[in-house]
Amino acid sequence: MRNNSPERDAPSAVEVLGPNDCWDLLRGVSVGHLAVLVDGHPEIFPVNYKVDHGSVVFRTGEGTKLHAAAQPTAVALEADGTDQDKRTAWSVLVKGHAEVLEPSPELMTGAGLTLFPWQAGHKDQFVRIVPTAVSGRRFTVTSPLTWWSHLDDPTRAGLA
């Protein structure tokens, strides 16, 4: 027998977020996941970032992430968060291309001033993701108890 509670069977409403809401949410967290192509295959790297003038800037050192981001291919940055009081979660996706930035006084007094790498080492390269699209969604987090019960286990339900 399945748990046929109304909460379990009701589809979760997804709120599609507008660009302003997406940027506000991105400003509220500092870690996202950068997706790039490496040798024709997707790779994902955690990055700490700052929102800067309608774009996203992260700091990195020499290596795979920098070399992949510097290619003329599309990149994406995804960030997530939750609001425990409202029992909601959100996800924002920034799609675009990356530009390796030259150090400048403007960069260092803007996003670069407060963008510190979490990992030790030489992280003296700044990369800007210039967006071509920004999208996001927010939804209510469903209680884990609505997704599983001992009767859902086929062995216990006598179905195995």
Protein backbone atom coordinates (compact mmCIF):
# COMPACT_ATOMS: atom_id res chain seq x y z
CA MET A 1 0.00 0.00 0.00
CA ARG A 2 1.37 3.41 -0.94
CA ASN A 3 1.30 6.51 1.15
CA ASN A 4 -1.34 8.48 -0.73
CA SER A 5 -1.30 11.58 1.43
CA PRO A 6 -2.38 14.80 -0.30
CA GLU A 7 1.08 16.29 0.30
CA ARG A 8 2.75 13.36 -1.45
CA ASP A 9 0.48 13.39 -4.47
CA ALA A 10 0.29 17.18 -4.92
CA PRO A 11 2.73 18.46 -7.48
CA SER A 12 5.22 20.89 -6.03
CA ALA A 13 4.74 24.37 -7.42
CA VAL A 14 7.87 25.77 -8.99
CA GLU A 15 8.26 29.53 -9.06
CA VAL A 16 10.16 30.71 -12.12
CA LEU A 17 12.39 33.56 -11.03
CA GLY A 18 12.98 36.73 -12.98
CA PRO A 19 16.49 38.05 -13.65
CA ASN A 20 16.45 40.57 -10.77
CA ASP A 21 15.48 37.86 -8.27
CA CYS A 22 18.21 35.60 -9.68
CA TRP A 23 20.89 38.26 -9.25
CA ASP A 24 19.68 39.03 -5.71
CA LEU A 25 19.93 35.36 -4.77
CA LEU A 26 23.38 35.04 -6.37
CA ARG A 27 24.57 37.98 -4.25
CA GLY A 28 23.40 36.17 -1.12
CA VAL A 29 25.72 33.15 -1.49
CA SER A 30 29.37 32.94 -2.42
CA VAL A 31 29.88 29.43 -3.78
CA GLY A 32 28.66 27.98 -7.04
CA HIS A 33 29.58 25.28 -9.52
CA LEU A 34 31.33 26.22 -12.73
CA ALA A 35 30.64 23.97 -15.72
CA VAL A 36 33.19 23.99 -18.56
CA LEU A 37 34.24 21.71 -21.39
CA VAL A 38 37.56 19.90 -20.98
CA ASP A 39 38.67 17.84 -23.96
CA GLY A 40 35.08 17.75 -25.20
CA HIS A 41 33.65 16.51 -21.89
CA PRO A 42 31.85 18.50 -19.18
CA GLU A 43 33.74 19.20 -15.97
CA ILE A 44 32.32 20.92 -12.90
CA PHE A 45 34.39 22.90 -10.40
CA PRO A 46 33.31 24.55 -7.16
CA VAL A 47 34.18 28.25 -7.18
CA ASN A 48 33.66 31.11 -4.82
CA TYR A 49 32.48 34.17 -6.72
CA LYS A 50 31.16 37.71 -6.54
CA VAL A 51 28.44 39.35 -8.59
CA ASP A 52 29.92 42.36 -10.35
CA HIS A 53 27.95 44.69 -12.65
CA GLY A 54 25.60 42.08 -14.11
CA SER A 55 28.24 39.38 -14.34
CA VAL A 56 29.96 36.83 -12.13
CA VAL A 57 33.67 37.01 -11.26
CA PHE A 58 35.75 34.24 -9.73
CA ARG A 59 39.42 33.92 -8.89
CA THR A 60 41.61 30.95 -9.76
CA GLY A 61 45.15 29.84 -10.46
CA GLU A 62 46.79 28.20 -13.44
CA GLY A 63 45.28 24.85 -14.34
CA THR A 64 42.40 23.01 -15.95
CA LYS A 65 39.66 25.35 -14.78
CA LEU A 66 41.40 28.49 -16.06
CA HIS A 67 42.41 26.95 -19.38
CA ALA A 68 38.90 25.57 -20.00
CA ALA A 69 37.24 28.87 -19.09
CA ALA A 70 39.56 30.76 -21.45
CA GLN A 71 38.36 28.73 -24.45
CA PRO A 72 35.76 30.22 -26.81
CA THR A 73 33.10 27.78 -25.62
CA ALA A 74 30.07 28.26 -23.43
CA VAL A 75 30.33 28.05 -19.66
CA ALA A 76 27.72 27.96 -16.92
CA LEU A 77 27.64 28.73 -13.23
CA GLU A 78 24.98 27.24 -10.97
CA ALA A 79 24.33 28.26 -7.37
CA ASP A 80 21.75 27.02 -4.87
CA GLY A 81 20.39 28.02 -1.52
CA THR A 82 17.65 27.43 0.98
CA ASP A 83 15.42 29.47 3.26
CA GLN A 84 14.94 27.27 6.31
CA ASP A 85 12.19 29.48 7.77
CA LYS A 86 10.08 29.36 4.60
CA ARG A 87 11.06 25.74 3.81
CA THR A 88 12.04 26.73 0.29
CA ALA A 89 15.03 26.04 -1.92
CA TRP A 90 16.25 27.81 -5.03
CA SER A 91 18.61 27.27 -7.92
CA VAL A 92 20.03 29.87 -10.32
CA LEU A 93 21.87 29.19 -13.57
CA VAL A 94 24.06 31.71 -15.38
CA LYS A 95 24.96 30.73 -18.95
CA GLY A 96 27.47 32.63 -21.04
CA HIS A 97 31.12 32.84 -21.91
CA ALA A 98 34.16 33.52 -19.77
CA GLU A 99 36.77 36.24 -20.11
CA VAL A 100 40.11 36.15 -18.34
CA LEU A 101 40.56 39.62 -16.87
CA GLU A 102 43.67 41.72 -16.75
CA PRO A 103 44.39 42.96 -13.22
CA SER A 104 43.35 46.60 -12.94
CA PRO A 105 42.74 49.14 -10.16
CA GLU A 106 39.01 49.04 -10.99
CA LEU A 107 38.91 45.24 -10.62
CA MET A 108 40.87 45.29 -7.38
CA THR A 109 38.67 47.97 -5.80
CA GLY A 110 35.50 46.22 -6.99
CA ALA A 111 34.85 42.49 -6.91
CA GLY A 112 38.54 41.63 -6.57
CA LEU A 113 38.85 43.45 -3.26
CA THR A 114 36.59 40.99 -1.46
CA LEU A 115 37.12 37.87 -3.53
CA PHE A 116 39.40 35.59 -1.58
CA PRO A 117 40.17 32.02 -2.64
CA TRP A 118 39.31 29.29 -0.17
CA GLN A 119 42.20 27.07 -1.20
CA ALA A 120 45.82 28.01 -0.60
CA GLY A 121 48.10 28.69 -3.54
CA HIS A 122 48.59 31.31 -6.21
CA LYS A 123 45.11 32.34 -7.30
CA ASP A 124 46.00 35.49 -9.18
CA GLN A 125 43.75 35.05 -12.22
CA PHE A 126 40.31 36.65 -12.35
CA VAL A 127 37.64 35.33 -14.69
CA ARG A 128 34.37 37.04 -15.56
CA ILE A 129 31.35 35.10 -16.77
CA VAL A 130 29.51 37.35 -19.20
CA PRO A 131 25.94 36.08 -19.19
CA THR A 132 23.84 35.35 -22.22
CA ALA A 133 21.03 33.94 -20.06
CA VAL A 134 20.14 33.94 -16.37
CA SER A 135 17.37 31.70 -15.06
CA GLY A 136 16.22 30.40 -11.74
CA ARG A 137 13.52 28.63 -9.83
CA ARG A 138 12.30 28.38 -6.25
CA PHE A 139 10.21 25.61 -4.75
CA THR A 140 8.92 24.33 -1.44
CA VAL A 141 11.04 21.64 0.16
CA THR A 142 8.90 18.58 0.79
CA SER A 143 9.24 16.65 4.03
CA PRO A 144 11.37 13.52 3.57
CA LEU A 145 8.65 11.47 5.22
CA THR A 146 6.37 12.06 2.24
CA TRP A 147 8.82 10.34 -0.11
CA TRP A 148 9.41 7.04 1.68
CA SER A 149 7.62 4.68 3.97
CA HIS A 150 8.36 1.09 4.91
CA LEU A 151 5.56 0.10 2.54
CA ASP A 152 7.46 1.63 -0.38
CA ASP A 153 10.21 -1.00 0.04
CA PRO A 154 9.23 -3.81 -2.42
CA THR A 155 10.74 -6.48 -0.18
CA ARG A 156 8.70 -5.41 2.83
CA ALA A 157 5.57 -4.97 0.77
CA GLY A 158 5.89 -8.57 -0.44
CA LEU A 159 6.51 -7.57 -4.06
CA ALA A 160 10.02 -8.94 -4.44
